[in-house]
Structures are given as C-alpha cells and as structure tokens.
N, C-alpha and C. Protein backbone atom coordinates (compact mmCIF):
# COMPACT_ATOMS: atom_id res chain seq x y z
N UNK A 1 -105.28 -31.79 -11.64
CA UNK A 1 -104.32 -32.13 -11.01
C UNK A 1 -104.36 -31.78 -9.41
N UNK A 2 -103.83 -32.90 -8.78
CA UNK A 2 -103.91 -32.80 -7.14
C UNK A 2 -103.04 -32.02 -6.72
N UNK A 3 -103.36 -31.14 -5.91
CA UNK A 3 -102.38 -30.01 -5.02
C UNK A 3 -101.67 -30.65 -4.14
N UNK A 4 -100.38 -30.51 -4.15
CA UNK A 4 -99.27 -30.94 -3.21
C UNK A 4 -99.31 -30.29 -1.85
N UNK A 5 -99.04 -31.15 -0.88
CA UNK A 5 -99.24 -30.42 0.57
C UNK A 5 -98.23 -29.28 0.38
N UNK A 6 -96.86 -29.41 -0.01
CA UNK A 6 -96.10 -28.18 -0.12
C UNK A 6 -96.72 -27.07 -0.60
N UNK A 7 -97.41 -27.05 -1.68
CA UNK A 7 -98.02 -25.80 -2.42
C UNK A 7 -99.18 -25.45 -1.41
N UNK A 8 -99.99 -26.25 -0.88
CA UNK A 8 -100.98 -25.90 0.11
C UNK A 8 -100.43 -25.17 1.11
N UNK A 9 -99.47 -25.76 1.92
CA UNK A 9 -98.69 -24.81 2.93
C UNK A 9 -98.23 -23.64 2.58
N UNK A 10 -97.46 -23.55 1.46
CA UNK A 10 -96.86 -22.43 1.11
C UNK A 10 -97.80 -21.22 0.55
N UNK A 11 -99.13 -21.50 0.10
CA UNK A 11 -99.98 -20.81 -0.23
C UNK A 11 -100.97 -20.24 1.09
N UNK A 12 -100.64 -20.94 2.05
CA UNK A 12 -101.48 -20.77 3.41
C UNK A 12 -102.76 -21.42 3.30
N UNK A 13 -103.08 -22.38 2.42
CA UNK A 13 -104.51 -23.08 2.34
C UNK A 13 -104.36 -24.07 3.23
N UNK A 14 -103.43 -24.53 3.87
CA UNK A 14 -103.28 -25.67 4.77
C UNK A 14 -102.83 -25.05 6.30
N UNK A 15 -103.93 -25.01 7.16
CA UNK A 15 -103.09 -24.08 8.38
C UNK A 15 -102.83 -24.94 9.51
N UNK A 16 -101.95 -24.57 10.15
CA UNK A 16 -101.36 -25.49 11.43
C UNK A 16 -102.49 -25.74 12.17
N UNK A 17 -103.56 -25.04 12.49
CA UNK A 17 -104.74 -25.51 13.34
C UNK A 17 -105.41 -26.54 12.78
N UNK A 18 -105.20 -26.90 11.53
CA UNK A 18 -106.07 -28.02 10.86
C UNK A 18 -105.38 -29.23 11.24
N UNK A 19 -103.87 -29.40 11.67
CA UNK A 19 -103.35 -30.48 11.93
C UNK A 19 -103.12 -30.59 13.28
N UNK A 20 -102.90 -32.13 13.69
CA UNK A 20 -102.77 -32.42 14.80
C UNK A 20 -101.25 -31.93 15.50
N UNK A 21 -101.24 -31.11 16.31
CA UNK A 21 -99.93 -30.44 16.62
C UNK A 21 -99.69 -30.96 18.02
N UNK A 22 -98.47 -31.32 18.43
CA UNK A 22 -98.33 -32.11 19.74
C UNK A 22 -97.67 -30.82 20.56
N UNK A 23 -98.57 -30.50 21.54
CA UNK A 23 -98.37 -29.26 22.28
C UNK A 23 -97.06 -29.60 23.22
N UNK A 24 -96.05 -28.77 23.41
CA UNK A 24 -95.18 -28.73 24.53
C UNK A 24 -95.51 -28.45 25.96
N UNK A 25 -94.72 -29.28 26.85
CA UNK A 25 -95.14 -29.26 28.08
C UNK A 25 -95.01 -27.78 28.66
N UNK A 26 -94.21 -27.20 28.30
CA UNK A 26 -93.76 -25.81 28.72
C UNK A 26 -94.92 -24.90 28.41
N UNK A 27 -95.48 -24.86 27.06
CA UNK A 27 -96.69 -24.34 26.56
C UNK A 27 -97.94 -24.55 27.32
N UNK A 28 -98.03 -26.00 27.70
CA UNK A 28 -99.34 -26.29 28.39
C UNK A 28 -99.28 -25.78 29.86
N UNK A 29 -98.11 -25.67 30.41
CA UNK A 29 -97.93 -25.17 31.82
C UNK A 29 -98.22 -23.77 31.81
N UNK A 30 -97.80 -22.94 31.11
CA UNK A 30 -98.09 -21.61 30.81
C UNK A 30 -99.58 -21.37 30.33
N UNK A 31 -100.05 -21.96 29.43
CA UNK A 31 -101.37 -21.92 29.09
C UNK A 31 -102.40 -22.05 30.18
N UNK A 32 -102.07 -23.20 31.10
CA UNK A 32 -102.83 -23.41 32.13
C UNK A 32 -103.07 -22.50 33.20
N UNK A 33 -101.60 -21.80 33.42
CA UNK A 33 -101.43 -20.76 34.26
C UNK A 33 -102.31 -19.60 34.12
N UNK A 34 -102.22 -19.35 32.57
CA UNK A 34 -102.93 -18.15 32.12
C UNK A 34 -104.51 -18.44 32.38
N UNK A 35 -104.89 -19.45 32.21
CA UNK A 35 -106.46 -19.75 32.08
C UNK A 35 -106.86 -19.66 33.58
N UNK A 36 -105.97 -20.24 34.58
CA UNK A 36 -106.28 -20.04 35.90
C UNK A 36 -106.25 -18.66 36.54
N UNK A 37 -105.34 -17.71 36.05
CA UNK A 37 -105.27 -16.58 36.52
C UNK A 37 -106.31 -15.70 35.97
N UNK A 38 -106.65 -15.84 34.74
CA UNK A 38 -107.67 -15.15 33.79
C UNK A 38 -109.21 -15.37 34.82
N UNK A 39 -109.40 -16.64 34.87
CA UNK A 39 -110.59 -17.05 35.96
C UNK A 39 -110.57 -16.51 37.19
N UNK A 40 -109.39 -16.47 37.90
CA UNK A 40 -109.66 -15.59 39.12
C UNK A 40 -109.84 -14.35 39.09
N UNK A 41 -109.42 -13.62 38.07
CA UNK A 41 -109.53 -12.30 37.81
C UNK A 41 -110.99 -12.09 37.48
N UNK A 42 -111.78 -12.90 36.71
CA UNK A 42 -113.01 -12.70 36.32
C UNK A 42 -113.78 -12.81 37.67
N UNK A 43 -113.46 -13.73 38.22
CA UNK A 43 -114.47 -14.00 39.28
C UNK A 43 -114.40 -12.57 40.53
N UNK A 44 -113.20 -12.05 40.47
CA UNK A 44 -113.31 -10.74 41.10
C UNK A 44 -113.85 -9.49 40.61
N UNK A 45 -114.26 -9.73 39.37
CA UNK A 45 -114.75 -8.59 38.61
C UNK A 45 -116.22 -8.46 38.93
N UNK A 46 -116.84 -7.15 39.00
CA UNK A 46 -118.25 -6.95 39.30
C UNK A 46 -119.05 -7.47 38.05
N UNK A 47 -120.12 -7.91 38.02
CA UNK A 47 -120.90 -8.70 37.22
C UNK A 47 -120.90 -7.73 36.04
N UNK A 48 -121.24 -6.82 36.01
CA UNK A 48 -121.31 -5.91 34.83
C UNK A 48 -120.04 -5.76 33.89
N UNK A 49 -118.98 -6.24 34.45
CA UNK A 49 -117.49 -6.23 33.75
C UNK A 49 -117.20 -7.59 33.10
N UNK A 50 -117.85 -8.64 33.76
CA UNK A 50 -117.64 -10.26 33.34
C UNK A 50 -117.93 -10.20 31.85
N UNK A 51 -118.94 -9.78 31.22
CA UNK A 51 -119.11 -10.16 29.79
C UNK A 51 -118.24 -9.50 29.12
N UNK A 52 -117.82 -8.07 29.16
CA UNK A 52 -116.80 -7.41 28.75
C UNK A 52 -115.58 -7.95 28.63
N UNK A 53 -115.25 -8.73 29.90
CA UNK A 53 -114.00 -9.42 29.98
C UNK A 53 -113.86 -10.70 29.17
N UNK A 54 -114.99 -11.17 29.14
CA UNK A 54 -114.91 -12.73 28.55
C UNK A 54 -114.81 -12.22 26.79
N UNK A 55 -115.38 -11.11 26.52
CA UNK A 55 -115.26 -10.45 24.85
C UNK A 55 -113.80 -10.41 24.65
N UNK A 56 -113.30 -9.51 25.82
CA UNK A 56 -111.65 -9.29 25.35
C UNK A 56 -110.95 -10.71 25.29
N UNK A 57 -111.33 -11.69 26.30
CA UNK A 57 -110.34 -12.84 26.19
C UNK A 57 -110.67 -13.50 24.76
N UNK A 58 -111.83 -13.59 24.14
CA UNK A 58 -112.09 -14.05 22.93
C UNK A 58 -111.38 -13.43 21.85
N UNK A 59 -111.33 -12.23 21.92
CA UNK A 59 -110.49 -11.40 20.99
C UNK A 59 -108.95 -11.85 20.91
N UNK A 60 -108.62 -12.01 22.14
CA UNK A 60 -107.26 -11.98 22.30
C UNK A 60 -106.98 -13.52 21.67
N UNK A 61 -107.96 -14.65 22.06
CA UNK A 61 -107.59 -15.83 21.56
C UNK A 61 -107.53 -16.00 19.87
N UNK A 62 -108.73 -14.96 19.32
CA UNK A 62 -108.78 -15.20 17.78
C UNK A 62 -107.22 -14.49 17.24
N UNK A 63 -106.80 -13.37 18.16
CA UNK A 63 -105.62 -12.80 17.69
C UNK A 63 -104.38 -13.77 17.38
N UNK A 64 -104.41 -14.46 18.77
CA UNK A 64 -103.25 -15.33 18.86
C UNK A 64 -103.38 -16.45 17.72
N UNK A 65 -104.49 -16.90 17.55
CA UNK A 65 -104.84 -17.99 16.47
C UNK A 65 -104.15 -17.58 14.90
N UNK A 66 -104.27 -16.22 14.56
CA UNK A 66 -104.07 -15.58 13.45
C UNK A 66 -102.56 -15.30 13.43
N UNK A 67 -102.08 -15.01 14.70
CA UNK A 67 -100.59 -14.77 14.60
C UNK A 67 -99.62 -16.16 14.50
N UNK A 68 -100.22 -17.12 15.22
CA UNK A 68 -99.35 -18.45 15.05
C UNK A 68 -99.54 -18.94 13.77
N UNK A 69 -100.95 -18.96 13.08
CA UNK A 69 -101.03 -19.41 11.71
C UNK A 69 -100.14 -18.71 10.88
N UNK A 70 -100.20 -17.41 10.89
CA UNK A 70 -99.38 -16.55 9.83
C UNK A 70 -98.06 -16.80 9.95
N UNK A 71 -97.47 -16.94 11.39
CA UNK A 71 -96.06 -17.23 11.69
C UNK A 71 -95.80 -18.52 11.16
N UNK A 72 -96.43 -19.64 11.19
CA UNK A 72 -96.36 -20.94 10.78
C UNK A 72 -96.21 -20.96 9.25
N UNK A 73 -96.97 -20.09 8.53
CA UNK A 73 -97.11 -20.10 7.11
C UNK A 73 -95.73 -19.37 6.60
N UNK A 74 -95.32 -18.26 7.36
CA UNK A 74 -94.22 -17.38 6.54
C UNK A 74 -93.18 -18.26 6.97
N UNK A 75 -93.05 -18.91 8.07
CA UNK A 75 -91.71 -19.73 8.31
C UNK A 75 -91.33 -20.77 7.19
N UNK A 76 -92.51 -21.51 6.99
CA UNK A 76 -92.67 -22.58 5.85
C UNK A 76 -92.18 -21.80 4.85
N UNK A 77 -92.70 -20.58 4.26
CA UNK A 77 -92.25 -20.09 3.12
C UNK A 77 -90.76 -19.70 3.09
N UNK A 78 -90.36 -19.18 4.10
CA UNK A 78 -88.92 -18.88 4.05
C UNK A 78 -87.89 -20.28 4.22
N UNK A 79 -88.59 -21.45 5.08
CA UNK A 79 -87.76 -22.61 4.84
C UNK A 79 -87.72 -23.25 3.29
N UNK A 80 -88.88 -23.01 2.62
CA UNK A 80 -89.00 -23.55 1.31
C UNK A 80 -88.07 -22.88 0.45
N UNK A 81 -87.99 -21.43 0.56
CA UNK A 81 -87.23 -20.66 -0.19
C UNK A 81 -85.58 -21.09 0.08
N UNK A 82 -85.18 -21.00 1.40
CA UNK A 82 -83.83 -21.28 1.51
C UNK A 82 -83.51 -22.85 0.92
N UNK A 83 -84.43 -23.89 1.14
CA UNK A 83 -84.33 -25.05 0.26
C UNK A 83 -84.04 -24.90 -1.09
N UNK A 84 -84.90 -24.21 -1.72
CA UNK A 84 -84.89 -24.09 -3.20
C UNK A 84 -83.53 -23.28 -3.38
N UNK A 85 -83.17 -22.30 -2.69
CA UNK A 85 -81.72 -21.70 -3.07
C UNK A 85 -80.36 -22.69 -3.07
N UNK A 86 -80.55 -23.34 -1.92
CA UNK A 86 -79.50 -24.57 -1.78
C UNK A 86 -79.52 -25.32 -2.72
N UNK A 87 -80.60 -25.58 -3.20
CA UNK A 87 -80.73 -26.92 -4.62
C UNK A 87 -80.20 -26.09 -5.67
N UNK A 88 -80.79 -24.78 -5.81
CA UNK A 88 -80.25 -24.21 -7.34
C UNK A 88 -78.77 -23.71 -7.18
N UNK A 89 -78.11 -23.62 -5.97
CA UNK A 89 -76.56 -23.39 -5.91
C UNK A 89 -75.87 -24.50 -5.98
N UNK A 90 -76.62 -25.67 -6.37
CA UNK A 90 -75.81 -26.99 -6.24
C UNK A 90 -75.51 -27.74 -4.82
N UNK A 91 -76.36 -27.16 -3.86
CA UNK A 91 -76.16 -27.91 -2.53
C UNK A 91 -74.90 -27.30 -1.98
N UNK A 92 -74.27 -26.34 -2.22
CA UNK A 92 -73.03 -25.63 -1.66
C UNK A 92 -73.33 -24.45 -0.71
N UNK A 93 -73.06 -24.49 0.38
CA UNK A 93 -73.30 -23.36 1.50
C UNK A 93 -72.27 -22.34 1.30
N UNK A 94 -72.53 -21.28 1.19
CA UNK A 94 -71.34 -20.32 1.17
C UNK A 94 -71.28 -19.42 2.40
C-alpha cells in the first residue's frame, strides 16, 4: 500500500527541509544580517578561536534545523487532530 503524504507528515517521515519552502523576506533579511555579523565577529577573533567559533556556528545551525523540523511536524499533527475532531463533531464549532 502506498503511503499518503498526510501519514508521512504526521509520523515525521516527510520533513519540511525535504520540500521547497518559500522563504519570507523578513527571514532573509535577518538571516543575512546574522551571517554578516557572525562573519565580522569571526574576523576579529584570534586565529586559535576561529575554529571553535565555526564549530559553535555549525552546532547552532543543526539545532535550528531540528527545532524547525520538529515544530513543523508538531504543528501538522495538532492541525490534523483539530481537523479530525471537527469532522467527528459534524463540523460544528462550539
């Protein structure tokens, strides 16, 4: 049996970073600012701290990816539960 997209999303098998997502202008603006400021800070660091700074930035990026992915999946799960409850109650909102 072919798995549906809904089930794949619900169980976390289809991740938002696997899809083409349109980035908002506000996010791009702040992301570019963050990258610029991190680069400026890195240039001011002594050479022996640059590698440690790079590792810190990589860990933060990985953490961000996990947070966004899990937030997306949890939001989808909640939305699906709300839709199911509404359908089971005959579509009436109380």
